[in-house]
């Protein structure tokens, strides 16, 4: 009786290789998201917050019938025409900078002229975001050219 014992060939199946490649792709994507530029994220957060604060100041100006003006000051900003402490007056990140004109008229008229504020960060002054309105629509954040 002749028995031939062939050695069993071990290897990876195509399915096992595909699973490993998928895991590597997910890990790479996770690392890419974790390493996202924090300065740009912080600047986006500041710009979105400022747009919301400007809209709040604009609404309070219209409701009260009193003129409200936003102005950048060293280390923050202020809303002239509103009671002190009603809206925040500091940036979330002390490295936030305002470039160009730093005063906006928020009301009390329902239509205001086109206005914008250019925000940058001290660590990356070449990057900037605009918080802008055409006077009719709400303030929005746009990439600066």
N, C-alpha and C. Protein backbone atom coordinates (compact mmCIF):
# COMPACT_ATOMS: atom_id res chain seq x y z
N UNK A 1 0.83 -1.15 0.00
CA UNK A 1 0.00 0.00 0.00
C UNK A 1 0.89 1.23 0.00
N UNK A 2 0.65 2.03 -1.00
CA UNK A 2 1.49 3.18 -1.19
C UNK A 2 0.70 4.43 -0.78
N UNK A 3 1.22 5.15 0.14
CA UNK A 3 0.58 6.40 0.55
C UNK A 3 1.56 7.53 0.30
N UNK A 4 1.08 8.46 -0.40
CA UNK A 4 1.95 9.62 -0.62
C UNK A 4 1.41 10.78 0.21
N UNK A 5 2.23 11.19 1.06
CA UNK A 5 1.85 12.31 1.91
C UNK A 5 2.43 13.57 1.30
N UNK A 6 1.57 14.29 0.61
CA UNK A 6 1.99 15.55 0.03
C UNK A 6 1.99 16.62 1.13
N UNK A 7 3.02 17.40 1.14
CA UNK A 7 3.01 18.46 2.15
C UNK A 7 1.90 19.46 1.84
N UNK A 8 1.24 19.89 2.87
CA UNK A 8 0.13 20.82 2.70
C UNK A 8 0.71 22.22 2.50
N UNK A 9 0.33 22.86 1.41
CA UNK A 9 0.81 24.18 1.10
C UNK A 9 -0.05 25.20 1.84
N UNK A 10 0.63 26.02 2.62
CA UNK A 10 -0.09 27.03 3.39
C UNK A 10 0.14 28.38 2.73
N UNK A 11 -0.83 29.21 2.74
CA UNK A 11 -0.73 30.55 2.16
C UNK A 11 -1.95 31.35 2.56
N UNK A 12 -2.04 32.53 1.98
CA UNK A 12 -3.18 33.39 2.27
C UNK A 12 -4.17 33.31 1.13
N UNK A 13 -5.42 33.34 1.49
CA UNK A 13 -6.45 33.35 0.45
C UNK A 13 -6.66 34.79 -0.01
N UNK A 14 -7.30 34.94 -1.13
CA UNK A 14 -7.58 36.26 -1.66
C UNK A 14 -8.44 37.06 -0.68
N UNK A 15 -9.38 36.41 -0.05
CA UNK A 15 -10.25 37.09 0.92
C UNK A 15 -9.45 37.62 2.10
N UNK A 16 -8.51 36.83 2.61
CA UNK A 16 -7.69 37.30 3.72
C UNK A 16 -6.85 38.51 3.33
N UNK A 17 -6.31 38.50 2.14
CA UNK A 17 -5.52 39.63 1.66
C UNK A 17 -6.38 40.88 1.51
N UNK A 18 -7.61 40.73 0.98
CA UNK A 18 -8.50 41.87 0.85
C UNK A 18 -8.88 42.47 2.20
N UNK A 19 -9.08 41.62 3.20
CA UNK A 19 -9.41 42.10 4.54
C UNK A 19 -8.25 42.92 5.10
N UNK A 20 -7.02 42.43 4.92
CA UNK A 20 -5.86 43.16 5.42
C UNK A 20 -5.71 44.50 4.71
N UNK A 21 -5.91 44.54 3.41
CA UNK A 21 -5.82 45.79 2.66
C UNK A 21 -6.90 46.77 3.12
N UNK A 22 -8.11 46.30 3.39
CA UNK A 22 -9.18 47.16 3.86
C UNK A 22 -8.86 47.74 5.25
N UNK A 23 -8.29 46.91 6.12
CA UNK A 23 -7.91 47.39 7.45
C UNK A 23 -6.82 48.46 7.34
N UNK A 24 -5.87 48.24 6.46
CA UNK A 24 -4.79 49.22 6.27
C UNK A 24 -5.35 50.54 5.71
N UNK A 25 -6.32 50.46 4.81
CA UNK A 25 -6.92 51.67 4.26
C UNK A 25 -7.67 52.45 5.34
N UNK A 26 -8.40 51.76 6.19
CA UNK A 26 -9.11 52.44 7.28
C UNK A 26 -8.14 53.07 8.27
N UNK A 27 -7.07 52.39 8.58
CA UNK A 27 -6.07 52.93 9.50
C UNK A 27 -5.41 54.17 8.90
N UNK A 28 -5.11 54.14 7.62
CA UNK A 28 -4.51 55.29 6.95
C UNK A 28 -5.46 56.49 6.96
N UNK A 29 -6.73 56.25 6.70
CA UNK A 29 -7.72 57.33 6.72
C UNK A 29 -7.84 57.92 8.13
N UNK A 30 -7.82 57.07 9.14
CA UNK A 30 -7.91 57.54 10.52
C UNK A 30 -6.72 58.41 10.90
N UNK A 31 -5.53 58.00 10.48
CA UNK A 31 -4.34 58.79 10.77
C UNK A 31 -4.40 60.13 10.03
N UNK A 32 -4.88 60.10 8.80
CA UNK A 32 -5.00 61.34 8.02
C UNK A 32 -5.94 62.33 8.68
N UNK A 33 -7.05 61.85 9.21
CA UNK A 33 -7.99 62.74 9.90
C UNK A 33 -7.42 63.23 11.22
N UNK A 34 -6.67 62.37 11.90
CA UNK A 34 -6.09 62.77 13.18
C UNK A 34 -5.01 63.83 13.00
N UNK A 35 -4.34 63.82 11.87
CA UNK A 35 -3.26 64.76 11.62
C UNK A 35 -3.72 66.01 10.88
N UNK A 36 -5.02 66.21 10.78
CA UNK A 36 -5.54 67.39 10.09
C UNK A 36 -4.99 68.65 10.74
N UNK A 37 -4.75 69.64 9.95
CA UNK A 37 -4.15 70.88 10.43
C UNK A 37 -5.03 71.54 11.49
N UNK A 38 -4.55 71.56 12.72
CA UNK A 38 -5.30 72.14 13.82
C UNK A 38 -5.47 73.64 13.69
N UNK A 39 -4.49 74.33 13.11
CA UNK A 39 -4.59 75.78 12.95
C UNK A 39 -5.74 76.16 12.03
N UNK A 40 -5.90 75.41 10.94
CA UNK A 40 -6.99 75.70 10.01
C UNK A 40 -8.34 75.37 10.66
N UNK A 41 -8.39 74.29 11.41
CA UNK A 41 -9.62 73.92 12.09
C UNK A 41 -10.02 74.99 13.11
N UNK A 42 -9.04 75.49 13.86
CA UNK A 42 -9.31 76.52 14.85
C UNK A 42 -9.79 77.81 14.17
N UNK A 43 -9.17 78.15 13.05
CA UNK A 43 -9.57 79.35 12.33
C UNK A 43 -11.00 79.22 11.80
N UNK A 44 -11.35 78.04 11.29
CA UNK A 44 -12.72 77.79 10.81
C UNK A 44 -13.71 77.93 11.97
N UNK A 45 -13.35 77.41 13.13
CA UNK A 45 -14.23 77.49 14.30
C UNK A 45 -14.42 78.94 14.71
N UNK A 46 -13.34 79.72 14.72
CA UNK A 46 -13.44 81.14 15.07
C UNK A 46 -14.33 81.89 14.08
N UNK A 47 -14.16 81.61 12.79
CA UNK A 47 -14.94 82.30 11.76
C UNK A 47 -16.43 81.95 11.88
N UNK A 48 -16.76 80.69 12.10
CA UNK A 48 -18.16 80.29 12.25
C UNK A 48 -18.77 80.93 13.50
N UNK A 49 -18.00 80.97 14.56
CA UNK A 49 -18.49 81.60 15.81
C UNK A 49 -18.72 83.09 15.60
N UNK A 50 -17.77 83.76 14.91
CA UNK A 50 -17.93 85.19 14.67
C UNK A 50 -19.17 85.45 13.81
N UNK A 51 -19.40 84.64 12.79
CA UNK A 51 -20.58 84.82 11.94
C UNK A 51 -21.86 84.72 12.78
N UNK A 52 -21.90 83.75 13.69
CA UNK A 52 -23.08 83.60 14.55
C UNK A 52 -23.22 84.79 15.50
N UNK A 53 -22.11 85.26 16.06
CA UNK A 53 -22.17 86.42 16.97
C UNK A 53 -22.60 87.68 16.24
N UNK A 54 -22.11 87.87 15.01
CA UNK A 54 -22.52 89.04 14.23
C UNK A 54 -24.01 89.00 13.92
N UNK A 55 -24.52 87.83 13.62
CA UNK A 55 -25.97 87.70 13.38
C UNK A 55 -26.76 87.97 14.65
N UNK A 56 -26.24 87.52 15.80
CA UNK A 56 -26.92 87.79 17.06
C UNK A 56 -26.93 89.29 17.35
N UNK A 57 -25.81 89.96 17.12
CA UNK A 57 -25.74 91.40 17.32
C UNK A 57 -26.66 92.14 16.36
N UNK A 58 -26.73 91.65 15.13
CA UNK A 58 -27.61 92.27 14.13
C UNK A 58 -29.07 92.13 14.54
N UNK A 59 -29.44 90.94 15.03
CA UNK A 59 -30.83 90.71 15.46
C UNK A 59 -31.18 91.58 16.67
N UNK A 60 -30.25 91.71 17.61
CA UNK A 60 -30.53 92.55 18.79
C UNK A 60 -30.63 94.02 18.40
N UNK A 61 -29.84 94.44 17.43
CA UNK A 61 -29.92 95.82 16.96
C UNK A 61 -31.27 96.10 16.33
N UNK A 62 -31.73 95.18 15.50
CA UNK A 62 -33.05 95.36 14.86
C UNK A 62 -34.17 95.33 15.87
N UNK A 63 -34.06 94.44 16.87
CA UNK A 63 -35.12 94.32 17.87
C UNK A 63 -35.20 95.56 18.76
N UNK A 64 -34.05 96.12 19.10
CA UNK A 64 -34.04 97.28 20.00
C UNK A 64 -34.17 98.61 19.25
N UNK A 65 -33.87 98.60 17.94
CA UNK A 65 -33.90 99.83 17.17
C UNK A 65 -32.69 100.72 17.39
N UNK A 66 -31.69 100.18 18.08
CA UNK A 66 -30.47 100.94 18.37
C UNK A 66 -29.33 100.50 17.46
N UNK A 67 -28.49 101.42 17.02
CA UNK A 67 -27.35 101.02 16.19
C UNK A 67 -26.33 100.20 16.99
N UNK A 68 -25.84 99.17 16.37
CA UNK A 68 -24.82 98.31 16.98
C UNK A 68 -23.65 98.23 16.01
N UNK A 69 -22.46 98.40 16.56
CA UNK A 69 -21.25 98.34 15.75
C UNK A 69 -20.31 97.31 16.37
N UNK A 70 -19.75 96.43 15.52
CA UNK A 70 -18.75 95.46 15.94
C UNK A 70 -17.38 96.03 15.62
N UNK A 71 -16.46 95.89 16.56
CA UNK A 71 -15.12 96.41 16.34
C UNK A 71 -14.09 95.46 16.94
N UNK A 72 -13.05 95.16 16.16
CA UNK A 72 -11.95 94.35 16.67
C UNK A 72 -11.06 95.22 17.55
N UNK A 73 -10.65 94.65 18.67
CA UNK A 73 -9.74 95.32 19.60
C UNK A 73 -8.62 94.33 19.91
N UNK A 74 -7.49 94.79 20.42
CA UNK A 74 -6.40 93.85 20.75
C UNK A 74 -6.88 92.74 21.68
N UNK A 75 -6.69 91.50 21.26
CA UNK A 75 -7.08 90.36 22.08
C UNK A 75 -8.53 89.95 21.97
N UNK A 76 -9.33 90.66 21.19
CA UNK A 76 -10.74 90.30 21.08
C UNK A 76 -11.51 91.26 20.21
N UNK A 77 -12.73 91.57 20.65
CA UNK A 77 -13.62 92.45 19.89
C UNK A 77 -14.67 92.97 20.85
N UNK A 78 -15.46 93.93 20.38
CA UNK A 78 -16.54 94.44 21.21
C UNK A 78 -17.73 94.82 20.33
N UNK A 79 -18.88 94.82 20.96
CA UNK A 79 -20.12 95.24 20.32
C UNK A 79 -20.54 96.55 20.95
N UNK A 80 -20.32 97.66 20.24
CA UNK A 80 -20.75 98.96 20.74
C UNK A 80 -22.24 99.11 20.48
N UNK A 81 -22.98 99.51 21.50
CA UNK A 81 -24.43 99.69 21.38
C UNK A 81 -25.20 98.62 22.11
N UNK A 82 -24.52 97.57 22.58
CA UNK A 82 -25.16 96.52 23.36
C UNK A 82 -24.66 96.60 24.80
N UNK A 83 -25.48 96.19 25.75
CA UNK A 83 -25.00 96.17 27.14
C UNK A 83 -23.77 95.28 27.28
N UNK A 84 -22.83 95.70 28.12
CA UNK A 84 -21.60 94.94 28.33
C UNK A 84 -21.93 93.53 28.84
N UNK A 85 -21.23 92.55 28.32
CA UNK A 85 -21.41 91.17 28.76
C UNK A 85 -22.54 90.43 28.09
N UNK A 86 -23.30 91.09 27.22
CA UNK A 86 -24.41 90.43 26.57
C UNK A 86 -23.93 89.41 25.54
N UNK A 87 -22.85 89.74 24.84
CA UNK A 87 -22.23 88.83 23.89
C UNK A 87 -20.76 88.69 24.24
N UNK A 88 -20.15 87.56 23.89
CA UNK A 88 -18.71 87.38 24.19
C UNK A 88 -17.87 88.47 23.54
N UNK A 89 -16.68 88.68 24.11
CA UNK A 89 -15.79 89.71 23.57
C UNK A 89 -14.35 89.21 23.39
N UNK A 90 -14.14 87.91 23.47
CA UNK A 90 -12.81 87.32 23.32
C UNK A 90 -12.82 86.23 22.26
N UNK A 91 -11.68 86.06 21.60
CA UNK A 91 -11.51 84.95 20.67
C UNK A 91 -11.32 83.67 21.47
N UNK A 92 -11.68 82.55 20.88
CA UNK A 92 -11.42 81.26 21.52
C UNK A 92 -9.92 80.99 21.57
N UNK A 93 -9.21 81.41 20.53
CA UNK A 93 -7.76 81.21 20.44
C UNK A 93 -7.10 82.59 20.41
N UNK A 94 -6.19 82.87 21.34
CA UNK A 94 -5.58 84.21 21.37
C UNK A 94 -4.73 84.52 20.13
N UNK A 95 -4.43 83.52 19.30
CA UNK A 95 -3.67 83.77 18.09
C UNK A 95 -4.49 84.27 16.92
N UNK A 96 -5.79 84.45 17.10
CA UNK A 96 -6.67 84.91 16.03
C UNK A 96 -6.41 86.39 15.75
N UNK A 97 -6.30 86.73 14.46
CA UNK A 97 -6.02 88.10 14.04
C UNK A 97 -7.09 88.58 13.08
N UNK A 98 -7.35 89.88 13.08
CA UNK A 98 -8.23 90.51 12.10
C UNK A 98 -7.35 91.32 11.18
N UNK A 99 -7.47 91.07 9.87
CA UNK A 99 -6.72 91.84 8.88
C UNK A 99 -7.66 92.79 8.16
N UNK A 100 -7.16 93.95 7.84
CA UNK A 100 -7.97 94.92 7.10
C UNK A 100 -8.93 95.65 8.00
N UNK A 101 -10.03 96.18 7.39
CA UNK A 101 -11.02 96.94 8.18
C UNK A 101 -11.56 96.11 9.33
N UNK A 102 -11.64 96.72 10.48
CA UNK A 102 -12.05 95.96 11.67
C UNK A 102 -13.30 96.52 12.33
N UNK A 103 -14.15 97.17 11.56
CA UNK A 103 -15.39 97.71 12.10
C UNK A 103 -16.54 97.35 11.16
N UNK A 104 -17.64 96.88 11.75
CA UNK A 104 -18.84 96.54 10.98
C UNK A 104 -20.04 97.24 11.61
N UNK A 105 -20.93 97.76 10.78
CA UNK A 105 -22.19 98.35 11.24
C UNK A 105 -23.26 97.28 11.10
N UNK A 106 -23.91 96.91 12.22
CA UNK A 106 -24.85 95.78 12.22
C UNK A 106 -26.32 96.19 12.19
N UNK A 107 -26.63 97.43 12.29
CA UNK A 107 -28.05 97.78 12.23
C UNK A 107 -28.28 99.14 12.83
N UNK A 108 -29.50 99.52 13.02
CA UNK A 108 -30.73 98.77 13.18
C UNK A 108 -31.53 98.54 11.89
N UNK A 109 -31.08 99.10 10.79
CA UNK A 109 -31.83 98.92 9.54
C UNK A 109 -31.81 97.45 9.13
N UNK A 110 -32.89 96.96 8.53
CA UNK A 110 -32.91 95.56 8.09
C UNK A 110 -31.89 95.28 6.99
N UNK A 111 -31.62 96.27 6.16
CA UNK A 111 -30.62 96.10 5.10
C UNK A 111 -29.39 96.91 5.47
N UNK A 112 -28.27 96.23 5.51
CA UNK A 112 -27.00 96.92 5.75
C UNK A 112 -26.15 96.76 4.50
N UNK A 113 -25.15 97.56 4.36
CA UNK A 113 -24.28 97.46 3.19
C UNK A 113 -23.43 96.20 3.23
N UNK A 114 -22.85 95.83 2.08
CA UNK A 114 -21.94 94.69 2.06
C UNK A 114 -20.75 94.94 2.99
N UNK A 115 -20.44 93.94 3.81
CA UNK A 115 -19.36 94.08 4.79
C UNK A 115 -18.63 92.76 4.93
N UNK A 116 -17.37 92.86 5.36
CA UNK A 116 -16.61 91.64 5.59
C UNK A 116 -15.51 91.87 6.60
N UNK A 117 -15.10 90.79 7.23
CA UNK A 117 -13.96 90.78 8.15
C UNK A 117 -13.06 89.64 7.70
N UNK A 118 -11.78 89.89 7.65
CA UNK A 118 -10.80 88.89 7.25
C UNK A 118 -10.09 88.39 8.49
N UNK A 119 -10.24 87.08 8.78
CA UNK A 119 -9.61 86.47 9.95
C UNK A 119 -8.41 85.65 9.52
N UNK A 120 -7.37 85.70 10.33
CA UNK A 120 -6.18 84.88 10.11
C UNK A 120 -5.71 84.39 11.47
N UNK A 121 -4.67 83.56 11.45
CA UNK A 121 -4.10 83.05 12.69
C UNK A 121 -2.63 83.41 12.73
N UNK A 122 -2.13 83.74 13.90
CA UNK A 122 -0.74 84.18 14.05
C UNK A 122 0.25 83.11 13.60
N UNK A 123 -0.08 81.84 13.79
CA UNK A 123 0.83 80.76 13.40
C UNK A 123 0.87 80.54 11.90
N UNK A 124 -0.22 80.88 11.19
CA UNK A 124 -0.32 80.69 9.74
C UNK A 124 -0.93 81.95 9.12
N UNK A 125 -0.21 83.07 9.09
CA UNK A 125 -0.81 84.31 8.59
C UNK A 125 -1.15 84.28 7.10
N UNK A 126 -0.60 83.31 6.35
CA UNK A 126 -0.91 83.25 4.92
C UNK A 126 -2.30 82.68 4.66
N UNK A 127 -2.87 82.00 5.62
CA UNK A 127 -4.23 81.45 5.49
C UNK A 127 -5.21 82.42 6.11
N UNK A 128 -6.33 82.61 5.44
CA UNK A 128 -7.33 83.55 5.97
C UNK A 128 -8.72 83.09 5.55
N UNK A 129 -9.70 83.49 6.34
CA UNK A 129 -11.12 83.25 6.04
C UNK A 129 -11.85 84.58 6.14
N UNK A 130 -12.86 84.72 5.28
CA UNK A 130 -13.69 85.93 5.30
C UNK A 130 -15.02 85.62 5.94
N UNK A 131 -15.45 86.50 6.82
CA UNK A 131 -16.81 86.47 7.35
C UNK A 131 -17.49 87.64 6.67
N UNK A 132 -18.46 87.34 5.82
CA UNK A 132 -18.99 88.36 4.92
C UNK A 132 -20.52 88.30 4.79
N UNK A 133 -21.09 89.43 4.41
CA UNK A 133 -22.50 89.51 4.07
C UNK A 133 -22.66 90.50 2.93
N UNK A 134 -23.70 90.29 2.14
CA UNK A 134 -23.99 91.25 1.06
C UNK A 134 -24.94 92.34 1.57
N UNK A 135 -25.31 92.27 2.84
CA UNK A 135 -26.20 93.26 3.44
C UNK A 135 -27.62 92.76 3.59
N UNK A 136 -27.97 91.76 2.83
CA UNK A 136 -29.31 91.19 2.90
C UNK A 136 -29.28 89.81 3.57
N UNK A 137 -28.36 88.98 3.11
CA UNK A 137 -28.24 87.62 3.66
C UNK A 137 -27.44 87.64 4.96
N UNK A 138 -27.54 86.55 5.72
CA UNK A 138 -26.76 86.45 6.97
C UNK A 138 -25.26 86.42 6.69
N UNK A 139 -24.48 86.69 7.73
CA UNK A 139 -23.03 86.57 7.62
C UNK A 139 -22.68 85.10 7.38
N UNK A 140 -21.70 84.88 6.52
CA UNK A 140 -21.26 83.53 6.18
C UNK A 140 -19.75 83.52 6.08
N UNK A 141 -19.18 82.33 6.18
CA UNK A 141 -17.73 82.16 6.12
C UNK A 141 -17.36 81.70 4.72
N UNK A 142 -16.35 82.36 4.15
CA UNK A 142 -15.85 82.02 2.83
C UNK A 142 -14.33 81.93 2.88
N UNK A 143 -13.77 81.13 2.00
CA UNK A 143 -12.31 81.06 1.88
C UNK A 143 -11.82 82.37 1.24
N UNK A 144 -10.71 82.85 1.73
CA UNK A 144 -10.15 84.08 1.19
C UNK A 144 -9.22 83.75 0.03
N UNK A 145 -9.31 84.50 -1.06
CA UNK A 145 -8.44 84.19 -2.20
C UNK A 145 -6.99 84.47 -1.91
